[in-house]
Protein backbone atom coordinates (compact mmCIF):
# COMPACT_ATOMS: atom_id res chain seq x y z
CA MET A 1 -36.01 73.15 -40.34
CA SER A 2 -32.70 73.03 -42.22
CA GLY A 3 -30.15 75.57 -41.06
CA GLU A 4 -29.43 76.51 -44.67
CA ASN A 5 -33.05 77.70 -44.98
CA ALA A 6 -33.07 79.60 -41.68
CA SER A 7 -33.33 83.11 -43.06
CA ARG A 8 -36.48 84.53 -41.44
CA PRO A 9 -36.51 85.04 -37.64
CA GLU A 10 -39.07 82.26 -37.18
CA ASP A 11 -36.98 79.94 -39.34
CA ILE A 12 -33.82 80.33 -37.29
CA ALA A 13 -35.85 79.84 -34.10
CA ALA A 14 -37.21 76.59 -35.52
CA ALA A 15 -33.72 75.51 -36.62
CA ALA A 16 -32.42 76.27 -33.11
CA ALA A 17 -35.15 74.10 -31.63
CA ASP A 18 -34.22 71.23 -33.97
CA ALA A 19 -30.57 71.65 -32.96
CA LEU A 20 -31.51 71.42 -29.27
CA ALA A 21 -33.42 68.20 -29.91
CA ASN A 22 -30.37 66.80 -31.72
CA LEU A 23 -28.10 67.89 -28.89
CA ARG A 24 -30.21 66.08 -26.31
CA GLU A 25 -30.32 62.95 -28.46
CA ARG A 26 -26.67 62.77 -29.49
CA GLN A 27 -25.00 64.00 -26.27
CA PRO A 28 -21.79 65.17 -27.97
CA ARG A 29 -18.43 65.32 -26.21
CA ILE A 30 -17.17 68.89 -25.88
CA HIS A 31 -13.61 69.67 -24.83
CA VAL A 32 -13.35 73.03 -23.11
CA ILE A 33 -10.20 75.05 -22.54
CA THR A 34 -11.55 77.91 -20.48
CA ASN A 35 -11.33 80.31 -17.58
CA THR A 36 -10.45 78.74 -14.23
CA VAL A 37 -13.31 80.59 -12.54
CA ALA A 38 -15.77 79.56 -15.27
CA GLN A 39 -15.15 75.82 -15.23
CA PRO A 40 -17.87 74.72 -12.75
CA ILE A 41 -20.78 76.67 -14.26
CA THR A 42 -19.61 75.82 -17.78
CA ALA A 43 -19.53 72.10 -17.03
CA ASN A 44 -22.91 72.21 -15.30
CA ILE A 45 -24.60 74.10 -18.11
CA LEU A 46 -23.16 71.78 -20.75
CA ILE A 47 -24.44 68.75 -18.87
CA ALA A 48 -27.83 70.40 -18.36
CA ALA A 49 -28.06 71.06 -22.11
CA GLY A 50 -27.25 67.44 -22.91
CA ALA A 51 -23.54 67.53 -23.74
CA VAL A 52 -20.60 65.69 -22.12
CA PRO A 53 -17.79 68.06 -21.10
CA SER A 54 -14.09 67.45 -20.56
CA MET A 55 -11.92 70.27 -19.23
CA THR A 56 -8.29 69.32 -18.77
CA VAL A 57 -5.77 72.00 -19.74
CA SER A 58 -2.66 69.86 -19.36
CA PRO A 59 -0.58 70.28 -22.54
CA VAL A 60 0.29 66.58 -22.33
CA GLU A 61 -3.33 65.42 -22.17
CA VAL A 62 -5.21 67.96 -24.28
CA PRO A 63 -4.36 66.43 -27.70
CA ASP A 64 -5.83 63.08 -26.63
CA PHE A 65 -9.02 64.72 -25.36
CA ALA A 66 -9.26 66.89 -28.49
CA ALA A 67 -9.01 63.77 -30.65
CA ARG A 68 -12.08 62.29 -28.94
CA CYS A 69 -14.26 65.40 -28.80
CA ASP A 70 -17.06 66.38 -31.17
CA ALA A 71 -16.30 70.10 -30.79
CA LEU A 72 -13.76 72.31 -29.00
CA LEU A 73 -13.95 75.61 -27.16
CA VAL A 74 -10.85 77.77 -26.81
CA ASN A 75 -11.47 80.49 -24.23
CA LEU A 76 -8.61 82.87 -23.40
CA GLY A 77 -9.91 84.08 -20.05
CA THR A 78 -7.14 82.61 -17.89
CA LEU A 79 -4.28 82.51 -20.35
CA ASP A 80 -1.61 80.93 -18.17
CA GLU A 81 1.38 78.96 -19.44
CA ASP A 82 -0.46 75.61 -19.48
CA ARG A 83 -3.25 77.02 -21.61
CA ARG A 84 -0.87 78.85 -23.94
CA SER A 85 0.96 75.56 -24.48
CA ALA A 86 -2.15 73.38 -24.73
CA ILE A 87 -4.16 75.45 -27.22
CA PRO A 88 -1.91 74.97 -30.29
CA GLY A 89 -1.81 71.22 -29.67
CA ALA A 90 -5.59 71.06 -29.45
CA LEU A 91 -5.96 73.09 -32.64
CA ASP A 92 -3.49 70.84 -34.47
CA VAL A 93 -5.71 67.87 -33.68
CA VAL A 94 -9.07 69.44 -34.52
CA GLY A 95 -7.58 70.86 -37.71
CA GLU A 96 -6.50 67.40 -38.84
CA GLU A 97 -9.85 65.87 -37.87
CA GLY A 98 -12.04 68.68 -39.25
CA THR A 99 -13.61 69.08 -35.81
CA PRO A 100 -15.56 72.33 -35.30
CA TRP A 101 -14.24 74.80 -32.76
CA VAL A 102 -15.14 78.11 -31.14
CA LEU A 103 -12.84 80.96 -30.10
CA ASP A 104 -13.77 83.24 -27.20
CA PRO A 105 -11.00 85.90 -27.07
CA VAL A 106 -11.70 87.15 -23.54
CA PHE A 107 -10.07 90.51 -22.73
CA VAL A 108 -8.21 90.63 -26.03
CA ASP A 109 -8.87 94.37 -25.87
CA VAL A 110 -6.85 94.66 -22.64
CA SER A 111 -3.66 92.68 -23.21
CA SER A 112 -1.26 93.21 -26.12
CA SER A 113 0.32 89.76 -25.66
CA ARG A 114 -3.15 88.19 -25.69
CA MET A 115 -3.93 90.08 -28.90
CA ARG A 116 -0.77 88.71 -30.55
CA PHE A 117 -1.66 85.19 -29.46
CA THR A 118 -5.23 85.65 -30.74
CA ARG A 119 -4.01 86.86 -34.13
CA GLU A 120 -1.98 83.66 -34.46
CA ILE A 121 -4.78 81.27 -33.58
CA LEU A 122 -7.28 83.14 -35.75
CA LYS A 123 -5.22 81.80 -38.66
CA ARG A 124 -6.59 78.37 -37.68
CA GLU A 125 -10.05 79.61 -38.79
CA PRO A 126 -12.50 79.14 -35.91
CA TRP A 127 -15.99 78.13 -37.00
CA VAL A 128 -17.47 80.69 -34.62
CA LEU A 129 -15.89 83.70 -32.95
CA ARG A 130 -17.86 84.74 -29.86
CA CYS A 131 -16.93 88.02 -28.15
CA ASN A 132 -18.32 91.22 -26.71
CA ARG A 133 -18.36 94.61 -28.40
CA ALA A 134 -15.06 95.81 -26.93
CA GLU A 135 -13.27 92.65 -28.02
CA ALA A 136 -14.78 92.79 -31.52
CA THR A 137 -13.79 96.44 -31.87
CA ALA A 138 -10.22 95.69 -30.83
CA LEU A 139 -9.94 92.77 -33.26
CA ALA A 140 -11.29 94.95 -36.07
CA GLU A 141 -8.91 97.80 -35.11
CA ALA A 142 -11.90 100.10 -35.36
CA GLU A 143 -12.68 103.42 -33.70
CA GLY A 144 -15.97 102.14 -32.30
CA TYR A 145 -18.45 99.33 -32.55
CA SER A 146 -21.12 99.07 -35.25
CA THR A 147 -22.96 96.23 -36.89
CA GLU A 148 -21.30 97.19 -40.18
CA MET A 149 -17.91 96.78 -38.51
CA ALA A 150 -18.98 93.37 -37.18
CA ASP A 151 -20.12 92.30 -40.66
CA LYS A 152 -16.75 93.26 -42.11
CA LEU A 153 -14.85 91.48 -39.34
CA ALA A 154 -16.80 88.29 -39.98
CA LEU A 155 -16.07 88.54 -43.71
CA ASP A 156 -12.38 89.29 -43.15
CA LEU A 157 -12.00 86.32 -40.81
CA MET A 158 -14.32 84.08 -42.86
CA THR A 159 -16.20 83.04 -39.75
CA VAL A 160 -19.52 83.40 -37.99
CA LEU A 161 -19.28 86.19 -35.43
CA LEU A 162 -21.53 86.39 -32.38
CA VAL A 163 -21.21 89.73 -30.61
CA THR A 164 -22.78 89.55 -27.16
CA GLY A 165 -24.43 92.41 -25.32
CA ARG A 166 -27.83 93.73 -24.32
CA LYS A 167 -28.81 92.56 -27.80
CA ASP A 168 -26.67 89.82 -29.30
CA TYR A 169 -25.66 90.28 -32.94
CA LEU A 170 -25.04 87.28 -35.17
CA THR A 171 -23.36 87.68 -38.57
CA ASN A 172 -21.29 85.90 -41.19
CA GLY A 173 -20.90 89.12 -43.13
CA SER A 174 -23.90 88.74 -45.40
CA ARG A 175 -26.39 86.92 -43.19
CA HIS A 176 -27.22 88.54 -39.85
CA ARG A 177 -29.71 88.59 -37.00
CA HIS A 178 -30.22 90.26 -33.65
CA LEU A 179 -31.28 88.20 -30.65
CA ASN A 180 -33.34 89.94 -27.99
CA ASN A 181 -33.39 87.37 -25.18
CA GLY A 182 -31.52 87.49 -21.87
CA ASN A 183 -31.51 89.07 -18.43
CA PRO A 184 -29.14 91.56 -16.72
CA LEU A 185 -28.34 88.99 -14.00
CA LEU A 186 -26.30 87.05 -16.57
CA GLY A 187 -23.70 89.78 -16.16
CA GLN A 188 -23.70 89.35 -12.37
CA VAL A 189 -22.67 85.68 -12.37
CA THR A 190 -19.08 84.81 -13.24
CA GLY A 191 -18.69 82.46 -16.17
CA THR A 192 -22.08 82.68 -17.87
CA GLY A 193 -20.54 84.15 -21.02
CA CYS A 194 -17.92 81.44 -21.07
CA ALA A 195 -20.68 78.87 -20.64
CA GLY A 196 -22.44 80.43 -23.62
CA SER A 197 -19.33 79.88 -25.72
CA ALA A 198 -19.23 76.25 -24.61
CA LEU A 199 -22.90 75.88 -25.60
CA THR A 200 -21.95 77.24 -29.01
CA ALA A 201 -19.39 74.44 -29.38
CA ALA A 202 -22.02 71.91 -28.28
CA PHE A 203 -24.45 73.08 -30.96
CA LEU A 204 -21.67 73.07 -33.56
CA ALA A 205 -21.29 69.36 -32.87
CA VAL A 206 -24.88 68.65 -33.96
CA THR A 207 -25.50 71.11 -36.82
CA HIS A 208 -23.47 71.78 -39.96
CA ASP A 209 -24.47 75.45 -39.96
CA PRO A 210 -22.31 77.60 -37.63
CA PHE A 211 -24.80 80.47 -37.97
CA VAL A 212 -27.58 78.29 -36.55
CA ALA A 213 -25.26 76.83 -33.90
CA ALA A 214 -24.28 80.26 -32.59
CA GLY A 215 -27.87 81.46 -32.70
CA ALA A 216 -29.18 78.36 -30.93
CA ALA A 217 -26.62 78.69 -28.13
CA ALA A 218 -27.36 82.38 -27.61
CA ALA A 219 -31.11 81.72 -27.65
CA LEU A 220 -30.88 78.81 -25.21
CA LEU A 221 -28.84 80.84 -22.73
CA GLY A 222 -31.02 83.94 -23.16
CA VAL A 223 -34.36 82.18 -22.81
CA ALA A 224 -33.07 80.14 -19.87
CA ALA A 225 -31.94 83.39 -18.19
CA GLU A 226 -35.42 84.83 -18.55
CA HIS A 227 -36.91 81.73 -16.95
CA ALA A 228 -34.25 81.69 -14.22
CA ASN A 229 -35.03 85.27 -13.29
CA GLN A 230 -38.55 84.28 -12.27
CA GLY A 231 -38.26 83.80 -8.52
CA ALA A 232 -34.54 84.58 -8.29
CA GLU A 233 -33.66 86.78 -5.32
CA GLY A 234 -30.24 87.78 -6.66
CA PRO A 235 -27.18 86.46 -8.51
CA GLY A 236 -26.73 83.43 -6.23
CA SER A 237 -30.18 81.95 -6.66
CA PHE A 238 -30.16 83.03 -10.32
CA ALA A 239 -27.04 80.94 -10.98
CA TRP A 240 -28.53 77.62 -9.89
CA ARG A 241 -31.88 78.49 -11.44
CA LEU A 242 -30.07 79.12 -14.73
CA VAL A 243 -28.69 75.56 -14.76
CA ASP A 244 -32.16 74.21 -13.97
CA ALA A 245 -33.72 76.34 -16.71
CA VAL A 246 -31.26 75.07 -19.33
CA TYR A 247 -32.05 71.52 -18.22
CA SER A 248 -35.82 71.92 -18.34
CA LEU A 249 -36.15 74.01 -21.50
CA SER A 250 -37.70 71.96 -24.31
CA PRO A 251 -37.11 72.47 -28.05
CA ALA A 252 -40.70 73.69 -28.33
CA ASP A 253 -40.07 76.23 -25.54
CA LEU A 254 -36.97 77.46 -27.35
CA ALA A 255 -38.83 77.90 -30.63
CA ARG A 256 -41.67 79.70 -28.85
CA HIS A 257 -39.60 82.13 -26.79
CA ALA A 258 -36.50 82.86 -28.92
CA ARG A 259 -36.75 86.43 -30.18
CA PHE A 260 -34.68 86.85 -33.34
CA SER A 261 -35.06 89.95 -35.47
């Protein structure tokens, strides 16, 4: 199923399944600049999905790693001096190479300096912006969240926006879908959202359609969470079961269980 034709819910589920098959076959290299606390689970979930992660944040090394990657994630969760210095260098490289990249503006709604930094790097035009409702509302300078506000933000930024929550919302301004997969325990394990952003970068590396890439990543994480919850006794056992579920989920499983609307 071509991503360009993925308009009906069943079509985008089929396109997501094709993208997962491509991910497993191609094993793309994903460079991840992310939260310190999220690095282990992010790396493990990327490997389980079929990607090859690299995670250095050294400003000296990041340009070399960015030059070799198939997609980049910029996550602002632990925005220390090394990351602040490394991110522009990484974006210079991927901009020159035309490499797809994802922005996850963690806590941009909390920190004014982080908001200023985010405004600057948004000028580099991320292929996908992945954030929660509070972060999207802050970026839109809106009074409150709505899907109409999210549509406008995606149009204004000329990007695909994935707003995460109890129901994920995927939009490029004119094309939009809800995703109804997931489990509350995702919110009880540090780093699962950051791992979802890294999965988005991995899918961007194997599909030319950012809308499908963001939808496939959200569906994979959501369906895997539902599987991981079966037998989990709490957040600890859920975390390792989540990695196993991502690893064992087949493209056919993803197409069957992804609930887009």
